[in-house]
Amino acid sequence: MFSALTKLPRTVWFLAAIRFLNDAASDAVYLLLPQNSATAIALFAGYAIFIASTDGAEKALIAELAPKARLGAAFGWLWTRIHPTAASRSAA
């Protein structure tokens, strides 16, 4: 099992590290909960700008790295990993 992990490209390891740091940061954000509604609105707006600016690059990276025959599965895996609730909503 571990020998298969060492054969993964550096890009996969890099994306996994970024994903881990993102998850750790999202857990740490509870310490920074806003104290008023203006701060909450500013945080939501900032997050929306971040998602809007990175979503296209994320999809382009998956489209380039995934084999053409497995492109649908790659996007399905992406959305299941990033947005776990999307899979449960689409199953209903």
PDB file of N, CA and C in Angstrom:
ATOM      1  N   MET A   1       0.821  -1.191   0.000  1.00  0.00           N
ATOM      2  CA  MET A   1       0.000   0.000   0.000  1.00  0.00           C
ATOM      3  C   MET A   1       0.866   1.256   0.000  1.00  0.00           C
ATOM      4  N   PHE A   2       1.884   1.286   0.832  1.00  0.00           N
ATOM      5  CA  PHE A   2       2.719   2.475   0.909  1.00  0.00           C
ATOM      6  C   PHE A   2       3.594   2.652  -0.321  1.00  0.00           C
ATOM      7  N   SER A   3       3.935   1.571  -0.996  1.00  0.00           N
ATOM      8  CA  SER A   3       4.740   1.705  -2.209  1.00  0.00           C
ATOM      9  C   SER A   3       3.950   2.410  -3.305  1.00  0.00           C
ATOM     10  N   ALA A   4       2.643   2.209  -3.334  1.00  0.00           N
ATOM     11  CA  ALA A   4       1.811   2.903  -4.325  1.00  0.00           C
ATOM     12  C   ALA A   4       1.756   4.403  -4.021  1.00  0.00           C
ATOM     13  N   LEU A   5       1.781   4.761  -2.752  1.00  0.00           N
ATOM     14  CA  LEU A   5       1.748   6.180  -2.389  1.00  0.00           C
ATOM     15  C   LEU A   5       3.023   6.897  -2.791  1.00  0.00           C
ATOM     16  N   THR A   6       4.148   6.223  -2.729  1.00  0.00           N
ATOM     17  CA  THR A   6       5.410   6.872  -3.087  1.00  0.00           C
ATOM     18  C   THR A   6       5.529   7.093  -4.587  1.00  0.00           C
ATOM     19  N   LYS A   7       4.719   6.417  -5.383  1.00  0.00           N
ATOM     20  CA  LYS A   7       4.773   6.570  -6.834  1.00  0.00           C
ATOM     21  C   LYS A   7       3.887   7.711  -7.333  1.00  0.00           C
ATOM     22  N   LEU A   8       3.138   8.343  -6.442  1.00  0.00           N
ATOM     23  CA  LEU A   8       2.270   9.448  -6.854  1.00  0.00           C
ATOM     24  C   LEU A   8       3.111  10.648  -7.272  1.00  0.00           C
ATOM     25  N   PRO A   9       2.665  11.393  -8.269  1.00  0.00           N
ATOM     26  CA  PRO A   9       3.403  12.579  -8.701  1.00  0.00           C
ATOM     27  C   PRO A   9       3.447  13.647  -7.612  1.00  0.00           C
ATOM     28  N   ARG A  10       4.417  14.533  -7.738  1.00  0.00           N
ATOM     29  CA  ARG A  10       4.560  15.607  -6.748  1.00  0.00           C
ATOM     30  C   ARG A  10       3.346  16.520  -6.721  1.00  0.00           C
ATOM     31  N   THR A  11       2.705  16.668  -7.863  1.00  0.00           N
ATOM     32  CA  THR A  11       1.513  17.523  -7.916  1.00  0.00           C
ATOM     33  C   THR A  11       0.426  16.997  -7.000  1.00  0.00           C
ATOM     34  N   VAL A  12       0.262  15.687  -6.965  1.00  0.00           N
ATOM     35  CA  VAL A  12      -0.750  15.088  -6.103  1.00  0.00           C
ATOM     36  C   VAL A  12      -0.406  15.348  -4.639  1.00  0.00           C
ATOM     37  N   TRP A  13       0.860  15.181  -4.291  1.00  0.00           N
ATOM     38  CA  TRP A  13       1.284  15.442  -2.902  1.00  0.00           C
ATOM     39  C   TRP A  13       1.085  16.920  -2.547  1.00  0.00           C
ATOM     40  N   PHE A  14       1.393  17.802  -3.495  1.00  0.00           N
ATOM     41  CA  PHE A  14       1.227  19.229  -3.258  1.00  0.00           C
ATOM     42  C   PHE A  14      -0.243  19.574  -3.029  1.00  0.00           C
ATOM     43  N   LEU A  15      -1.123  19.051  -3.885  1.00  0.00           N
ATOM     44  CA  LEU A  15      -2.547  19.322  -3.721  1.00  0.00           C
ATOM     45  C   LEU A  15      -3.095  18.726  -2.426  1.00  0.00           C
ATOM     46  N   ALA A  16      -2.587  17.558  -2.043  1.00  0.00           N
ATOM     47  CA  ALA A  16      -3.026  16.957  -0.779  1.00  0.00           C
ATOM     48  C   ALA A  16      -2.581  17.820   0.407  1.00  0.00           C
ATOM     49  N   ALA A  17      -1.374  18.365   0.335  1.00  0.00           N
ATOM     50  CA  ALA A  17      -0.888  19.229   1.421  1.00  0.00           C
ATOM     51  C   ALA A  17      -1.711  20.510   1.503  1.00  0.00           C
ATOM     52  N   ILE A  18      -2.025  21.093   0.347  1.00  0.00           N
ATOM     53  CA  ILE A  18      -2.852  22.296   0.329  1.00  0.00           C
ATOM     54  C   ILE A  18      -4.230  21.993   0.914  1.00  0.00           C
ATOM     55  N   ARG A  19      -4.773  20.853   0.533  1.00  0.00           N
ATOM     56  CA  ARG A  19      -6.093  20.450   1.035  1.00  0.00           C
ATOM     57  C   ARG A  19      -6.061  20.260   2.553  1.00  0.00           C
ATOM     58  N   PHE A  20      -4.991  19.629   3.057  1.00  0.00           N
ATOM     59  CA  PHE A  20      -4.852  19.425   4.502  1.00  0.00           C
ATOM     60  C   PHE A  20      -4.765  20.768   5.231  1.00  0.00           C
ATOM     61  N   LEU A  21      -3.962  21.688   4.699  1.00  0.00           N
ATOM     62  CA  LEU A  21      -3.829  23.001   5.334  1.00  0.00           C
ATOM     63  C   LEU A  21      -5.152  23.772   5.276  1.00  0.00           C
ATOM     64  N   ASN A  22      -5.877  23.616   4.180  1.00  0.00           N
ATOM     65  CA  ASN A  22      -7.181  24.264   4.073  1.00  0.00           C
ATOM     66  C   ASN A  22      -8.145  23.717   5.128  1.00  0.00           C
ATOM     67  N   ASP A  23      -8.151  22.407   5.306  1.00  0.00           N
ATOM     68  CA  ASP A  23      -9.021  21.811   6.318  1.00  0.00           C
ATOM     69  C   ASP A  23      -8.624  22.258   7.721  1.00  0.00           C
ATOM     70  N   ALA A  24      -7.323  22.318   7.990  1.00  0.00           N
ATOM     71  CA  ALA A  24      -6.857  22.759   9.307  1.00  0.00           C
ATOM     72  C   ALA A  24      -7.242  24.218   9.549  1.00  0.00           C
ATOM     73  N   ALA A  25      -7.116  25.043   8.516  1.00  0.00           N
ATOM     74  CA  ALA A  25      -7.475  26.456   8.661  1.00  0.00           C
ATOM     75  C   ALA A  25      -8.972  26.617   8.871  1.00  0.00           C
ATOM     76  N   SER A  26      -9.772  25.784   8.205  1.00  0.00           N
ATOM     77  CA  SER A  26     -11.216  25.912   8.388  1.00  0.00           C
ATOM     78  C   SER A  26     -11.634  25.482   9.792  1.00  0.00           C
ATOM     79  N   ASP A  27     -10.892  24.557  10.397  1.00  0.00           N
ATOM     80  CA  ASP A  27     -11.181  24.191  11.780  1.00  0.00           C
ATOM     81  C   ASP A  27     -10.751  25.293  12.740  1.00  0.00           C
ATOM     82  N   ALA A  28      -9.680  25.994  12.416  1.00  0.00           N
ATOM     83  CA  ALA A  28      -9.178  27.053  13.289  1.00  0.00           C
ATOM     84  C   ALA A  28     -10.022  28.323  13.206  1.00  0.00           C
ATOM     85  N   VAL A  29     -10.827  28.453  12.162  1.00  0.00           N
ATOM     86  CA  VAL A  29     -11.597  29.680  11.992  1.00  0.00           C
ATOM     87  C   VAL A  29     -12.661  29.847  13.083  1.00  0.00           C
ATOM     88  N   TYR A  30     -13.031  28.772  13.758  1.00  0.00           N
ATOM     89  CA  TYR A  30     -14.026  28.901  14.829  1.00  0.00           C
ATOM     90  C   TYR A  30     -13.541  29.826  15.942  1.00  0.00           C
ATOM     91  N   LEU A  31     -12.238  29.940  16.098  1.00  0.00           N
ATOM     92  CA  LEU A  31     -11.708  30.858  17.098  1.00  0.00           C
ATOM     93  C   LEU A  31     -11.884  32.319  16.686  1.00  0.00           C
ATOM     94  N   LEU A  32     -12.119  32.530  15.397  1.00  0.00           N
ATOM     95  CA  LEU A  32     -12.213  33.886  14.873  1.00  0.00           C
ATOM     96  C   LEU A  32     -13.632  34.261  14.465  1.00  0.00           C
ATOM     97  N   LEU A  33     -14.614  33.639  15.074  1.00  0.00           N
ATOM     98  CA  LEU A  33     -15.998  33.923  14.706  1.00  0.00           C
ATOM     99  C   LEU A  33     -16.312  35.399  14.897  1.00  0.00           C
ATOM    100  N   PRO A  34     -17.045  35.961  13.966  1.00  0.00           N
ATOM    101  CA  PRO A  34     -17.331  37.403  14.046  1.00  0.00           C
ATOM    102  C   PRO A  34     -18.228  37.751  15.223  1.00  0.00           C
ATOM    103  N   GLN A  35     -18.041  38.956  15.723  1.00  0.00           N
ATOM    104  CA  GLN A  35     -18.811  39.416  16.862  1.00  0.00           C
ATOM    105  C   GLN A  35     -20.015  40.258  16.440  1.00  0.00           C
ATOM    106  N   ASN A  36     -20.066  40.662  15.155  1.00  0.00           N
ATOM    107  CA  ASN A  36     -21.226  41.431  14.680  1.00  0.00           C
ATOM    108  C   ASN A  36     -21.534  41.037  13.242  1.00  0.00           C
ATOM    109  N   SER A  37     -22.658  41.498  12.738  1.00  0.00           N
ATOM    110  CA  SER A  37     -23.100  41.071  11.408  1.00  0.00           C
ATOM    111  C   SER A  37     -22.260  41.680  10.288  1.00  0.00           C
ATOM    112  N   ALA A  38     -21.710  42.869  10.474  1.00  0.00           N
ATOM    113  CA  ALA A  38     -20.877  43.481   9.436  1.00  0.00           C
ATOM    114  C   ALA A  38     -19.622  42.649   9.193  1.00  0.00           C
ATOM    115  N   THR A  39     -19.037  42.145  10.255  1.00  0.00           N
ATOM    116  CA  THR A  39     -17.857  41.289  10.114  1.00  0.00           C
ATOM    117  C   THR A  39     -18.229  39.981   9.426  1.00  0.00           C
ATOM    118  N   ALA A  40     -19.369  39.427   9.760  1.00  0.00           N
ATOM    119  CA  ALA A  40     -19.815  38.185   9.134  1.00  0.00           C
ATOM    120  C   ALA A  40     -20.045  38.397   7.641  1.00  0.00           C
ATOM    121  N   ILE A  41     -20.650  39.503   7.268  1.00  0.00           N
ATOM    122  CA  ILE A  41     -20.888  39.788   5.850  1.00  0.00           C
ATOM    123  C   ILE A  41     -19.573  39.964   5.113  1.00  0.00           C
ATOM    124  N   ALA A  42     -18.620  40.639   5.725  1.00  0.00           N
ATOM    125  CA  ALA A  42     -17.307  40.832   5.103  1.00  0.00           C
ATOM    126  C   ALA A  42     -16.593  39.496   4.923  1.00  0.00           C
ATOM    127  N   LEU A  43     -16.694  38.604   5.899  1.00  0.00           N
ATOM    128  CA  LEU A  43     -16.060  37.287   5.783  1.00  0.00           C
ATOM    129  C   LEU A  43     -16.697  36.463   4.668  1.00  0.00           C
ATOM    130  N   PHE A  44     -18.027  36.482   4.582  1.00  0.00           N
ATOM    131  CA  PHE A  44     -18.706  35.750   3.515  1.00  0.00           C
ATOM    132  C   PHE A  44     -18.334  36.318   2.147  1.00  0.00           C
ATOM    133  N   ALA A  45     -18.248  37.628   2.044  1.00  0.00           N
ATOM    134  CA  ALA A  45     -17.882  38.255   0.769  1.00  0.00           C
ATOM    135  C   ALA A  45     -16.447  37.880   0.380  1.00  0.00           C
ATOM    136  N   GLY A  46     -15.551  37.889   1.355  1.00  0.00           N
ATOM    137  CA  GLY A  46     -14.166  37.487   1.080  1.00  0.00           C
ATOM    138  C   GLY A  46     -14.065  36.040   0.642  1.00  0.00           C
ATOM    139  N   TYR A  47     -14.817  35.180   1.283  1.00  0.00           N
ATOM    140  CA  TYR A  47     -14.809  33.767   0.906  1.00  0.00           C
ATOM    141  C   TYR A  47     -15.403  33.578  -0.487  1.00  0.00           C
ATOM    142  N   ALA A  48     -16.446  34.316  -0.808  1.00  0.00           N
ATOM    143  CA  ALA A  48     -17.049  34.221  -2.138  1.00  0.00           C
ATOM    144  C   ALA A  48     -16.069  34.666  -3.215  1.00  0.00           C
ATOM    145  N   ILE A  49     -15.319  35.715  -2.958  1.00  0.00           N
ATOM    146  CA  ILE A  49     -14.307  36.170  -3.916  1.00  0.00           C
ATOM    147  C   ILE A  49     -13.223  35.119  -4.081  1.00  0.00           C
ATOM    148  N   PHE A  50     -12.801  34.511  -2.983  1.00  0.00           N
ATOM    149  CA  PHE A  50     -11.781  33.454  -3.052  1.00  0.00           C
ATOM    150  C   PHE A  50     -12.273  32.277  -3.891  1.00  0.00           C
ATOM    151  N   ILE A  51     -13.478  31.802  -3.634  1.00  0.00           N
ATOM    152  CA  ILE A  51     -14.027  30.666  -4.377  1.00  0.00           C
ATOM    153  C   ILE A  51     -14.182  31.032  -5.854  1.00  0.00           C
ATOM    154  N   ALA A  52     -14.685  32.235  -6.139  1.00  0.00           N
ATOM    155  CA  ALA A  52     -14.878  32.649  -7.525  1.00  0.00           C
ATOM    156  C   ALA A  52     -13.553  32.746  -8.276  1.00  0.00           C
ATOM    157  N   SER A  53     -12.490  33.121  -7.576  1.00  0.00           N
ATOM    158  CA  SER A  53     -11.201  33.280  -8.259  1.00  0.00           C
ATOM    159  C   SER A  53     -10.432  31.976  -8.404  1.00  0.00           C
ATOM    160  N   THR A  54     -10.755  30.951  -7.646  1.00  0.00           N
ATOM    161  CA  THR A  54      -9.993  29.702  -7.719  1.00  0.00           C
ATOM    162  C   THR A  54     -10.761  28.547  -8.343  1.00  0.00           C
ATOM    163  N   ASP A  55     -12.060  28.659  -8.488  1.00  0.00           N
ATOM    164  CA  ASP A  55     -12.858  27.536  -8.976  1.00  0.00           C
ATOM    165  C   ASP A  55     -12.514  27.169 -10.416  1.00  0.00           C
ATOM    166  N   GLY A  56     -12.339  28.150 -11.271  1.00  0.00           N
ATOM    167  CA  GLY A  56     -12.008  27.874 -12.662  1.00  0.00           C
ATOM    168  C   GLY A  56     -10.661  27.186 -12.816  1.00  0.00           C
ATOM    169  N   ALA A  57      -9.672  27.641 -12.062  1.00  0.00           N
ATOM    170  CA  ALA A  57      -8.345  27.020 -12.126  1.00  0.00           C
ATOM    171  C   ALA A  57      -8.388  25.591 -11.598  1.00  0.00           C
ATOM    172  N   GLU A  58      -9.192  25.365 -10.582  1.00  0.00           N
ATOM    173  CA  GLU A  58      -9.335  24.018 -10.025  1.00  0.00           C
ATOM    174  C   GLU A  58      -9.915  23.061 -11.069  1.00  0.00           C
ATOM    175  N   LYS A  59     -10.949  23.500 -11.757  1.00  0.00           N
ATOM    176  CA  LYS A  59     -11.574  22.663 -12.786  1.00  0.00           C
ATOM    177  C   LYS A  59     -10.630  22.448 -13.969  1.00  0.00           C
ATOM    178  N   ALA A  60      -9.890  23.483 -14.339  1.00  0.00           N
ATOM    179  CA  ALA A  60      -8.940  23.351 -15.449  1.00  0.00           C
ATOM    180  C   ALA A  60      -7.828  22.361 -15.107  1.00  0.00           C
ATOM    181  N   LEU A  61      -7.367  22.389 -13.865  1.00  0.00           N
ATOM    182  CA  LEU A  61      -6.322  21.460 -13.442  1.00  0.00           C
ATOM    183  C   LEU A  61      -6.819  20.023 -13.495  1.00  0.00           C
ATOM    184  N   ILE A  62      -8.023  19.783 -13.008  1.00  0.00           N
ATOM    185  CA  ILE A  62      -8.590  18.437 -13.057  1.00  0.00           C
ATOM    186  C   ILE A  62      -8.775  17.995 -14.505  1.00  0.00           C
ATOM    187  N   ALA A  63      -9.269  18.890 -15.356  1.00  0.00           N
ATOM    188  CA  ALA A  63      -9.487  18.540 -16.765  1.00  0.00           C
ATOM    189  C   ALA A  63      -8.178  18.208 -17.471  1.00  0.00           C
ATOM    190  N   GLU A  64      -7.094  18.856 -17.066  1.00  0.00           N
ATOM    191  CA  GLU A  64      -5.803  18.595 -17.713  1.00  0.00           C
ATOM    192  C   GLU A  64      -5.144  17.329 -17.183  1.00  0.00           C
ATOM    193  N   LEU A  65      -5.280  17.053 -15.895  1.00  0.00           N
ATOM    194  CA  LEU A  65      -4.587  15.914 -15.289  1.00  0.00           C
ATOM    195  C   LEU A  65      -5.328  14.592 -15.481  1.00  0.00           C
ATOM    196  N   ALA A  66      -6.637  14.639 -15.559  1.00  0.00           N
ATOM    197  CA  ALA A  66      -7.411  13.397 -15.638  1.00  0.00           C
ATOM    198  C   ALA A  66      -7.381  12.841 -17.062  1.00  0.00           C
ATOM    199  N   PRO A  67      -7.360  11.504 -17.176  1.00  0.00           N
ATOM    200  CA  PRO A  67      -7.471  10.901 -18.507  1.00  0.00           C
ATOM    201  C   PRO A  67      -8.833  11.244 -19.111  1.00  0.00           C
ATOM    202  N   LYS A  68      -8.860  11.450 -20.415  1.00  0.00           N
ATOM    203  CA  LYS A  68     -10.105  11.873 -21.072  1.00  0.00           C
ATOM    204  C   LYS A  68     -11.236  10.870 -20.879  1.00  0.00           C
ATOM    205  N   ALA A  69     -10.900   9.587 -20.812  1.00  0.00           N
ATOM    206  CA  ALA A  69     -11.938   8.571 -20.629  1.00  0.00           C
ATOM    207  C   ALA A  69     -12.526   8.594 -19.220  1.00  0.00           C
ATOM    208  N   ARG A  70     -11.803   9.157 -18.258  1.00  0.00           N
ATOM    209  CA  ARG A  70     -12.244   9.171 -16.855  1.00  0.00           C
ATOM    210  C   ARG A  70     -12.532  10.585 -16.359  1.00  0.00           C
ATOM    211  N   LEU A  71     -12.776  11.494 -17.261  1.00  0.00           N
ATOM    212  CA  LEU A  71     -12.968  12.888 -16.889  1.00  0.00           C
ATOM    213  C   LEU A  71     -14.194  13.082 -15.996  1.00  0.00           C
ATOM    214  N   GLY A  72     -15.288  12.423 -16.316  1.00  0.00           N
ATOM    215  CA  GLY A  72     -16.487  12.534 -15.488  1.00  0.00           C
ATOM    216  C   GLY A  72     -16.271  11.999 -14.089  1.00  0.00           C
ATOM    217  N   ALA A  73     -15.558  10.878 -13.980  1.00  0.00           N
ATOM    218  CA  ALA A  73     -15.257  10.311 -12.665  1.00  0.00           C
ATOM    219  C   ALA A  73     -14.335  11.237 -11.874  1.00  0.00           C
ATOM    220  N   ALA A  74     -13.413  11.884 -12.560  1.00  0.00           N
ATOM    221  CA  ALA A  74     -12.494  12.802 -11.874  1.00  0.00           C
ATOM    222  C   ALA A  74     -13.250  13.990 -11.287  1.00  0.00           C
ATOM    223  N   PHE A  75     -14.172  14.551 -12.076  1.00  0.00           N
ATOM    224  CA  PHE A  75     -14.958  15.664 -11.548  1.00  0.00           C
ATOM    225  C   PHE A  75     -15.901  15.203 -10.443  1.00  0.00           C
ATOM    226  N   GLY A  76     -16.438  14.002 -10.562  1.00  0.00           N
ATOM    227  CA  GLY A  76     -17.277  13.459  -9.500  1.00  0.00           C
ATOM    228  C   GLY A  76     -16.506  13.274  -8.209  1.00  0.00           C
ATOM    229  N   TRP A  77     -15.281  12.774  -8.329  1.00  0.00           N
ATOM    230  CA  TRP A  77     -14.429  12.603  -7.151  1.00  0.00           C
ATOM    231  C   TRP A  77     -14.102  13.955  -6.540  1.00  0.00           C
ATOM    232  N   LEU A  78     -13.805  14.934  -7.387  1.00  0.00           N
ATOM    233  CA  LEU A  78     -13.494  16.279  -6.901  1.00  0.00           C
ATOM    234  C   LEU A  78     -14.653  16.846  -6.094  1.00  0.00           C
ATOM    235  N   TRP A  79     -15.844  16.777  -6.649  1.00  0.00           N
ATOM    236  CA  TRP A  79     -16.988  17.363  -5.956  1.00  0.00           C
ATOM    237  C   TRP A  79     -17.373  16.562  -4.717  1.00  0.00           C
ATOM    238  N   THR A  80     -17.160  15.261  -4.751  1.00  0.00           N
ATOM    239  CA  THR A  80     -17.462  14.464  -3.561  1.00  0.00           C
ATOM    240  C   THR A  80     -16.485  14.771  -2.434  1.00  0.00           C
ATOM    241  N   ARG A  81     -15.230  15.020  -2.768  1.00  0.00           N
ATOM    242  CA  ARG A  81     -14.219  15.326  -1.751  1.00  0.00           C
ATOM    243  C   ARG A  81     -14.355  16.751  -1.228  1.00  0.00           C
ATOM    244  N   ILE A  82     -14.604  17.703  -2.121  1.00  0.00           N
ATOM    245  CA  ILE A  82     -14.639  19.100  -1.709  1.00  0.00           C
ATOM    246  C   ILE A  82     -15.993  19.468  -1.106  1.00  0.00           C
ATOM    247  N   HIS A  83     -17.045  18.962  -1.698  1.00  0.00           N
ATOM    248  CA  HIS A  83     -18.393  19.278  -1.235  1.00  0.00           C
ATOM    249  C   HIS A  83     -19.133  17.975  -0.933  1.00  0.00           C
ATOM    250  N   PRO A  84     -18.885  17.376   0.231  1.00  0.00           N
ATOM    251  CA  PRO A  84     -19.515  16.084   0.539  1.00  0.00           C
ATOM    252  C   PRO A  84     -21.042  16.143   0.518  1.00  0.00           C
ATOM    253  N   THR A  85     -21.607  17.275   0.796  1.00  0.00           N
ATOM    254  CA  THR A  85     -23.065  17.361   0.792  1.00  0.00           C
ATOM    255  C   THR A  85     -23.627  17.331  -0.617  1.00  0.00           C
ATOM    256  N   ALA A  86     -22.805  17.625  -1.626  1.00  0.00           N
ATOM    257  CA  ALA A  86     -23.288  17.600  -3.011  1.00  0.00           C
ATOM    258  C   ALA A  86     -23.680  16.194  -3.415  1.00  0.00           C
ATOM    259  N   ALA A  87     -22.937  15.199  -2.964  1.00  0.00           N
ATOM    260  CA  ALA A  87     -23.252  13.806  -3.317  1.00  0.00           C
ATOM    261  C   ALA A  87     -24.567  13.390  -2.675  1.00  0.00           C
ATOM    262  N   SER A  88     -24.806  13.795  -1.434  1.00  0.00           N
ATOM    263  CA  SER A  88     -26.044  13.403  -0.777  1.00  0.00           C
ATOM    264  C   SER A  88     -27.244  14.126  -1.396  1.00  0.00           C
ATOM    265  N   ARG A  89     -27.062  15.352  -1.859  1.00  0.00           N
ATOM    266  CA  ARG A  89     -28.151  16.078  -2.488  1.00  0.00           C
ATOM    267  C   ARG A  89     -28.497  15.499  -3.846  1.00  0.00           C
ATOM    268  N   SER A  90     -27.478  15.059  -4.590  1.00  0.00           N
ATOM    269  CA  SER A  90     -27.757  14.535  -5.920  1.00  0.00           C
ATOM    270  C   SER A  90     -28.358  13.128  -5.848  1.00  0.00           C
ATOM    271  N   ALA A  91     -28.174  12.429  -4.740  1.00  0.00           N
ATOM    272  CA  ALA A  91     -28.715  11.073  -4.604  1.00  0.00           C
ATOM    273  C   ALA A  91     -30.198  11.106  -4.257  1.00  0.00           C
ATOM    274  N   ALA A  92     -30.669  12.214  -3.746  1.00  0.00           N
ATOM    275  CA  ALA A  92     -32.081  12.287  -3.328  1.00  0.00           C
ATOM    276  C   ALA A  92     -33.017  12.455  -4.485  1.00  0.00           C
TER     277      ALA A  92
END
